[in-house]
Amino acid sequence: MNKFSIKSIPSLITEAYFEMLDDKGFKMAAALSYYAAFSLGPLLIIVIAIAGFIFGEEAAKGQLFFELKNMIGSDGAQMMETIIKGASNTTTGIFATIFSVILLVFGSIGVFVELQESLNMVWGVEPKPGKGLKMFIRNRIISFSMVVATGFLLMVSLMINSAIALLNEFMAEMFPSLIPIAFILNNAASLIVITILFALIYKVLPDVLISWRYVWLGAGITSVLFSIGKYLIGLYLGSSSYASTYGAAASLVIIFLWIYYSGLILFFGAELTQVYRKRYSGKELIANGDGLVVPKVSELVKTATEKQRQKIIRSNH
C-alpha cells in the first residue's frame, strides 16, 4: 500500500479532475442545480426551524440570509426569501397541515436524493436488484437525516458566531488592536462547519463503506474551494452587469450559477475522496448491504481502449 505525502496532492487533484470528466461531473452538477431549485424552499424552512430551536426563528433567518447575501448578492438573497415565504404558507385544517408537512419533507430531500445517486456514480455503485421499495424508503430517510444535519450545523454556526461576537466586544474594550482576530476566527469557524457538512455528505450519502480517514482530505479541499468561489462570485456580483443582461430573471440565473459551481466542487471533492482511497487503501471497495460495486463506464472504456491498443500492437508485429 502506498504511503500518503503532501507532495502527492497535485497528482491526486489531477487524477480526480480527469475522473470527474470521465464521470460526466459537469452534467451531474447541472442536474443537481435543477433538483436544488425545487428543493431550496422546503429545505431552508426545515433548516431554519431546526437552527431556530435554541436561538429563535428570526435569529436563524438573519444568519442564513446574511450568508446568502455574501454568496449570491442582495438580489439573490431577496429571491430566496421570497421562495421561503411562498413555501411556508400555512394552510388551515389538520389534514391540510399534515399533507403540507409531508410535501415539505419530500420537497426538502429531493436535492440529497439526486446527490446520492450522483455520488454512487462517482464510486461505481448500483442498488441491488429486487429492493426497490426498501431502497426508496432507506434513501429518503438518509436524505432527510442530511437535512437535519444541515440545520444542526447552522445552529452550531449560530452558537459560534454568538461566542465570537461576545469575544469581539470584550477584545474591543481590552485590546482594540486585536479586533481583526475576531474576523479571522469567524472565517475559520465557517470553514470548519462547511468542512464537516461536506464530510458528512461524502461519508453518509454514497452506498459504500468509507473510512473517515479518506473523507477529510476531500472535504477539506472542497470547503476551501467553496470559500474561494464564495469570495470570487461575490466580487463578480459587485462588478458585473448581469442584472441588465438577464433582466427580471437575473436573480434566478445567479442562484443557478452558484448551485452549479457548488455542485462542481462538491463532485470534484467526491472524486478526490474516491481517488485518494483507491490509491492509498489496501482493501477492496465494499458497498453497503443494499449496494453493489460495478465497473464504472470510464473504467470499461479505458479497458476497451487498452485492449484495442494491444491488438493493434500485436497486428503490427
Protein backbone atom coordinates (compact mmCIF):
# COMPACT_ATOMS: atom_id res chain seq x y z
CA MET A 1 0.00 0.00 0.00
CA ASN A 2 1.34 3.44 -0.93
CA LYS A 3 2.06 5.99 1.77
CA PHE A 4 0.45 9.40 1.56
CA SER A 5 2.59 12.55 1.45
CA ILE A 6 1.89 16.23 0.82
CA LYS A 7 3.85 16.01 -2.44
CA SER A 8 1.24 13.60 -3.83
CA ILE A 9 -1.63 16.12 -3.55
CA PRO A 10 -1.07 17.69 -7.03
CA SER A 11 -1.19 14.27 -8.72
CA LEU A 12 -4.31 13.37 -6.70
CA ILE A 13 -6.01 16.59 -7.80
CA THR A 14 -5.08 15.99 -11.45
CA GLU A 15 -6.36 12.40 -11.40
CA ALA A 16 -9.56 13.49 -9.63
CA TYR A 17 -10.19 16.14 -12.29
CA PHE A 18 -9.87 13.66 -15.16
CA GLU A 19 -12.07 11.12 -13.38
CA MET A 20 -14.64 13.87 -12.87
CA LEU A 21 -14.62 14.47 -16.62
CA ASP A 22 -14.98 10.74 -17.28
CA ASP A 23 -17.94 10.51 -14.86
CA LYS A 24 -19.72 13.48 -16.52
CA GLY A 25 -19.31 15.69 -13.45
CA PHE A 26 -20.42 18.82 -15.31
CA LYS A 27 -23.65 17.13 -16.36
CA MET A 28 -24.26 15.87 -12.81
CA ALA A 29 -23.77 19.41 -11.45
CA ALA A 30 -26.33 20.73 -13.95
CA ALA A 31 -28.84 18.07 -12.88
CA LEU A 32 -28.18 18.92 -9.23
CA SER A 33 -28.95 22.58 -9.98
CA TYR A 34 -32.33 21.59 -11.40
CA TYR A 35 -33.31 19.47 -8.39
CA ALA A 36 -31.94 22.05 -5.94
CA ALA A 37 -34.12 24.77 -7.47
CA PHE A 38 -37.23 22.87 -6.38
CA SER A 39 -35.81 21.81 -3.00
CA LEU A 40 -34.41 25.12 -1.77
CA GLY A 41 -37.63 26.48 -0.25
CA PRO A 42 -38.64 23.40 1.80
CA LEU A 43 -35.02 22.66 2.67
CA LEU A 44 -34.35 26.13 4.07
CA ILE A 45 -37.63 26.15 6.03
CA ILE A 46 -36.67 22.93 7.85
CA VAL A 47 -33.08 24.09 8.35
CA ILE A 48 -34.29 27.40 9.84
CA ALA A 49 -36.75 25.56 12.11
CA ILE A 50 -34.00 23.28 13.46
CA ALA A 51 -31.46 26.08 13.88
CA GLY A 52 -34.10 28.34 15.44
CA PHE A 53 -34.92 25.78 18.13
CA ILE A 54 -32.46 27.47 20.50
CA PHE A 55 -31.80 30.90 19.00
CA GLY A 56 -35.26 31.59 17.61
CA GLU A 57 -36.52 31.66 14.04
CA GLU A 58 -35.64 35.29 13.41
CA ALA A 59 -32.02 34.81 14.51
CA ALA A 60 -31.68 31.73 12.29
CA LYS A 61 -33.20 33.59 9.33
CA GLY A 62 -30.94 36.57 9.93
CA GLN A 63 -27.81 34.40 9.95
CA LEU A 64 -28.93 32.43 6.90
CA PHE A 65 -29.77 35.50 4.82
CA PHE A 66 -26.51 37.14 5.87
CA GLU A 67 -24.62 34.15 4.46
CA LEU A 68 -26.79 34.07 1.34
CA LYS A 69 -26.21 37.75 0.73
CA ASN A 70 -22.45 37.20 0.90
CA MET A 71 -22.68 34.28 -1.52
CA ILE A 72 -25.27 35.31 -4.13
CA GLY A 73 -25.74 39.05 -3.56
CA SER A 74 -28.66 41.01 -2.19
CA ASP A 75 -30.94 40.32 -5.20
CA GLY A 76 -30.41 36.58 -4.95
CA ALA A 77 -30.92 36.64 -1.17
CA GLN A 78 -34.19 38.54 -1.62
CA MET A 79 -35.38 35.94 -4.12
CA MET A 80 -34.50 33.18 -1.65
CA GLU A 81 -36.51 34.99 0.99
CA THR A 82 -39.47 35.14 -1.40
CA ILE A 83 -39.12 31.41 -2.12
CA ILE A 84 -39.11 30.61 1.60
CA LYS A 85 -42.18 32.74 2.22
CA GLY A 86 -44.01 31.02 -0.61
CA ALA A 87 -43.07 27.55 0.61
CA SER A 88 -44.02 28.31 4.22
CA ASN A 89 -47.58 29.49 3.54
CA THR A 90 -49.72 27.87 6.22
CA THR A 91 -52.95 26.05 5.50
CA THR A 92 -55.97 25.54 7.71
CA GLY A 93 -57.25 22.16 8.84
CA ILE A 94 -55.40 19.22 10.35
CA PHE A 95 -55.35 17.11 7.17
CA ALA A 96 -54.16 20.03 5.05
CA THR A 97 -51.45 20.75 7.61
CA ILE A 98 -50.27 17.12 7.70
CA PHE A 99 -50.26 17.00 3.90
CA SER A 100 -48.25 20.25 3.78
CA VAL A 101 -45.68 18.85 6.23
CA ILE A 102 -45.30 15.68 4.15
CA LEU A 103 -44.79 17.73 0.98
CA LEU A 104 -42.31 19.92 2.84
CA VAL A 105 -40.24 16.90 3.94
CA PHE A 106 -40.27 15.25 0.50
CA GLY A 107 -39.52 18.55 -1.20
CA SER A 108 -36.52 19.18 1.06
CA ILE A 109 -34.85 15.82 0.40
CA GLY A 110 -35.04 15.93 -3.41
CA VAL A 111 -31.62 17.50 -3.82
CA PHE A 112 -29.99 14.95 -1.47
CA VAL A 113 -31.62 12.03 -3.29
CA GLU A 114 -30.18 13.29 -6.58
CA LEU A 115 -26.85 13.92 -4.88
CA GLN A 116 -26.79 10.38 -3.51
CA GLU A 117 -27.37 8.87 -6.96
CA SER A 118 -24.61 11.02 -8.44
CA LEU A 119 -22.15 10.08 -5.68
CA ASN A 120 -22.92 6.41 -6.32
CA MET A 121 -21.91 7.00 -9.94
CA VAL A 122 -18.64 8.53 -8.73
CA TRP A 123 -17.90 5.42 -6.63
CA GLY A 124 -19.22 2.91 -9.17
CA VAL A 125 -22.10 1.58 -7.07
CA GLU A 126 -25.59 0.48 -8.10
CA PRO A 127 -28.54 -0.61 -5.93
CA LYS A 128 -29.09 -4.36 -5.71
CA PRO A 129 -31.99 -5.55 -7.85
CA GLY A 130 -35.23 -6.52 -6.11
CA LYS A 131 -35.01 -3.91 -3.33
CA GLY A 132 -36.97 -1.09 -4.93
CA LEU A 133 -39.33 -0.17 -2.08
CA LYS A 134 -36.75 -0.80 0.64
CA MET A 135 -34.16 1.31 -1.15
CA PHE A 136 -36.72 4.06 -1.79
CA ILE A 137 -37.58 4.35 1.92
CA ARG A 138 -33.97 4.00 3.06
CA ASN A 139 -32.66 6.65 0.69
CA ARG A 140 -35.35 9.12 1.79
CA ILE A 141 -34.55 8.54 5.45
CA ILE A 142 -30.82 9.06 4.83
CA SER A 143 -31.53 12.17 2.77
CA PHE A 144 -33.75 13.64 5.48
CA SER A 145 -31.02 12.94 8.04
CA MET A 146 -28.77 15.17 5.93
CA VAL A 147 -31.43 17.90 6.05
CA VAL A 148 -31.49 17.62 9.85
CA ALA A 149 -27.67 17.64 9.98
CA THR A 150 -27.61 20.81 7.87
CA GLY A 151 -30.00 22.51 10.29
CA PHE A 152 -27.92 21.35 13.25
CA LEU A 153 -24.74 22.72 11.70
CA LEU A 154 -26.46 26.06 11.12
CA MET A 155 -27.37 26.05 14.81
CA VAL A 156 -23.74 25.32 15.71
CA SER A 157 -22.67 28.15 13.40
CA LEU A 158 -25.04 30.50 15.23
CA MET A 159 -23.58 29.45 18.58
CA ILE A 160 -20.03 30.01 17.36
CA ASN A 161 -20.90 33.40 15.86
CA SER A 162 -22.55 34.45 19.13
CA ALA A 163 -19.47 33.42 21.09
CA ILE A 164 -17.19 35.26 18.66
CA ALA A 165 -19.40 38.37 18.87
CA LEU A 166 -19.06 38.35 22.67
CA LEU A 167 -15.31 37.86 22.33
CA ASN A 168 -15.16 40.72 19.84
CA GLU A 169 -16.92 43.07 22.29
CA PHE A 170 -14.52 42.07 25.06
CA MET A 171 -11.44 42.49 22.87
CA ALA A 172 -12.68 45.85 21.57
CA GLU A 173 -12.62 47.17 25.14
CA MET A 174 -9.49 45.43 26.41
CA PHE A 175 -7.34 45.03 23.28
CA PRO A 176 -8.55 47.35 20.48
CA SER A 177 -5.59 46.46 18.26
CA LEU A 178 -6.58 42.78 18.18
CA ILE A 179 -10.07 43.26 16.70
CA PRO A 180 -9.13 41.61 13.33
CA ILE A 181 -8.65 38.34 15.23
CA ALA A 182 -12.44 38.07 15.58
CA PHE A 183 -12.77 38.31 11.80
CA ILE A 184 -10.19 35.55 11.35
CA LEU A 185 -11.91 33.33 13.94
CA ASN A 186 -15.28 33.83 12.27
CA ASN A 187 -13.97 32.78 8.86
CA ALA A 188 -12.08 29.83 10.36
CA ALA A 189 -15.21 28.65 12.18
CA SER A 190 -17.24 28.94 8.97
CA LEU A 191 -14.62 26.88 7.12
CA ILE A 192 -14.73 24.17 9.79
CA VAL A 193 -18.54 23.96 9.72
CA ILE A 194 -18.57 23.70 5.90
CA THR A 195 -15.86 21.01 6.03
CA ILE A 196 -17.95 18.96 8.47
CA LEU A 197 -21.00 19.26 6.20
CA PHE A 198 -19.06 18.06 3.14
CA ALA A 199 -17.51 15.24 5.17
CA LEU A 200 -20.98 14.06 6.24
CA ILE A 201 -22.17 14.13 2.62
CA TYR A 202 -19.18 12.08 1.41
CA LYS A 203 -19.44 9.63 4.30
CA VAL A 204 -23.21 9.10 4.62
CA LEU A 205 -24.80 9.50 1.18
CA PRO A 206 -22.94 7.07 -1.13
CA ASP A 207 -23.76 3.37 -0.77
CA VAL A 208 -20.19 2.38 0.04
CA LEU A 209 -18.31 1.78 3.27
CA ILE A 210 -15.74 4.59 3.58
CA SER A 211 -13.39 5.23 6.48
CA TRP A 212 -13.36 8.77 7.89
CA ARG A 213 -9.61 8.96 7.19
CA TYR A 214 -10.32 9.07 3.44
CA VAL A 215 -13.16 11.59 3.76
CA TRP A 216 -11.42 14.52 5.44
CA LEU A 217 -8.95 15.36 2.66
CA GLY A 218 -11.68 15.68 0.03
CA ALA A 219 -13.96 17.57 2.42
CA GLY A 220 -11.18 19.99 3.43
CA ILE A 221 -10.13 20.83 -0.14
CA THR A 222 -13.78 21.14 -1.19
CA SER A 223 -14.54 23.59 1.64
CA VAL A 224 -11.52 25.72 0.68
CA LEU A 225 -12.64 25.80 -2.96
CA PHE A 226 -16.18 26.59 -1.82
CA SER A 227 -14.92 29.54 0.24
CA ILE A 228 -12.76 30.80 -2.63
CA GLY A 229 -15.73 30.55 -5.00
CA LYS A 230 -17.89 32.39 -2.50
CA TYR A 231 -15.40 35.27 -2.48
CA LEU A 232 -14.89 35.36 -6.26
CA ILE A 233 -18.60 35.21 -7.09
CA GLY A 234 -19.14 37.99 -4.56
CA LEU A 235 -16.61 40.11 -6.46
CA TYR A 236 -18.30 39.24 -9.74
CA LEU A 237 -21.72 40.25 -8.44
CA GLY A 238 -20.32 43.53 -7.21
CA SER A 239 -18.77 44.50 -10.55
CA SER A 240 -20.84 42.75 -13.25
CA SER A 241 -23.88 43.89 -15.19
CA TYR A 242 -25.73 40.57 -15.07
CA ALA A 243 -28.92 42.36 -13.95
CA SER A 244 -29.07 44.37 -17.17
CA THR A 245 -28.30 41.25 -19.20
CA TYR A 246 -30.96 38.94 -17.77
CA GLY A 247 -33.48 41.49 -16.51
CA ALA A 248 -36.11 40.08 -14.14
CA ALA A 249 -34.54 36.61 -14.34
CA ALA A 250 -31.14 37.83 -13.10
CA SER A 251 -31.65 36.66 -9.51
CA LEU A 252 -32.73 33.19 -10.63
CA VAL A 253 -29.78 32.94 -13.03
CA ILE A 254 -27.27 33.81 -10.33
CA ILE A 255 -28.81 31.24 -7.94
CA PHE A 256 -28.47 28.56 -10.63
CA LEU A 257 -24.90 29.70 -11.30
CA TRP A 258 -23.98 29.42 -7.64
CA ILE A 259 -25.60 25.99 -7.22
CA TYR A 260 -23.89 24.78 -10.39
CA TYR A 261 -20.48 25.92 -9.15
CA SER A 262 -21.13 24.37 -5.72
CA GLY A 263 -22.11 21.12 -7.43
CA LEU A 264 -18.93 21.10 -9.48
CA ILE A 265 -16.63 21.47 -6.50
CA LEU A 266 -18.73 19.01 -4.48
CA PHE A 267 -18.34 16.32 -7.15
CA PHE A 268 -14.67 17.19 -7.55
CA GLY A 269 -14.24 16.62 -3.80
CA ALA A 270 -16.07 13.30 -4.11
CA GLU A 271 -13.76 12.24 -6.95
CA LEU A 272 -10.76 13.33 -4.88
CA THR A 273 -12.00 11.22 -1.96
CA GLN A 274 -12.55 8.25 -4.28
CA VAL A 275 -9.10 8.61 -5.91
CA TYR A 276 -7.42 9.08 -2.52
CA ARG A 277 -8.98 5.91 -1.16
CA LYS A 278 -8.23 3.91 -4.32
CA ARG A 279 -4.57 4.89 -4.23
CA TYR A 280 -3.85 4.53 -0.51
CA SER A 281 -6.22 1.84 0.71
CA GLY A 282 -5.05 -1.75 0.51
CA LYS A 283 -8.63 -3.03 0.78
CA GLU A 284 -11.16 -3.68 -1.93
CA LEU A 285 -14.07 -1.25 -2.15
CA ILE A 286 -17.15 -2.65 -0.39
CA ALA A 287 -20.73 -1.49 -0.88
CA ASN A 288 -23.21 -1.39 1.98
CA GLY A 289 -25.93 -4.03 2.35
CA ASP A 290 -28.17 -2.56 -0.33
CA GLY A 291 -25.50 -1.63 -2.87
CA LEU A 292 -23.40 -3.45 -5.42
CA VAL A 293 -19.97 -2.38 -6.71
CA VAL A 294 -19.90 -2.43 -10.52
CA PRO A 295 -17.27 -1.37 -13.07
CA LYS A 296 -17.58 2.33 -13.89
CA VAL A 297 -18.23 3.28 -17.51
CA SER A 298 -14.95 5.22 -17.60
CA GLU A 299 -13.07 2.10 -16.42
CA LEU A 300 -14.76 -0.06 -19.06
CA VAL A 301 -13.82 2.45 -21.75
CA LYS A 302 -10.20 2.53 -20.55
CA THR A 303 -10.05 -1.28 -20.53
CA ALA A 304 -11.53 -1.50 -24.03
CA THR A 305 -9.12 1.18 -25.28
CA GLU A 306 -6.13 -0.67 -23.82
CA LYS A 307 -7.27 -3.96 -25.39
CA GLN A 308 -7.65 -2.23 -28.74
CA ARG A 309 -4.18 -0.72 -28.39
CA GLN A 310 -2.64 -4.10 -27.55
CA LYS A 311 -4.47 -5.67 -30.51
CA ILE A 312 -3.05 -3.04 -32.87
CA ILE A 313 0.47 -3.59 -31.49
CA ARG A 314 0.21 -7.37 -31.98
CA SER A 315 -1.13 -6.97 -35.51
CA ASN A 316 1.78 -4.65 -36.41
CA HIS A 317 4.26 -7.23 -35.19
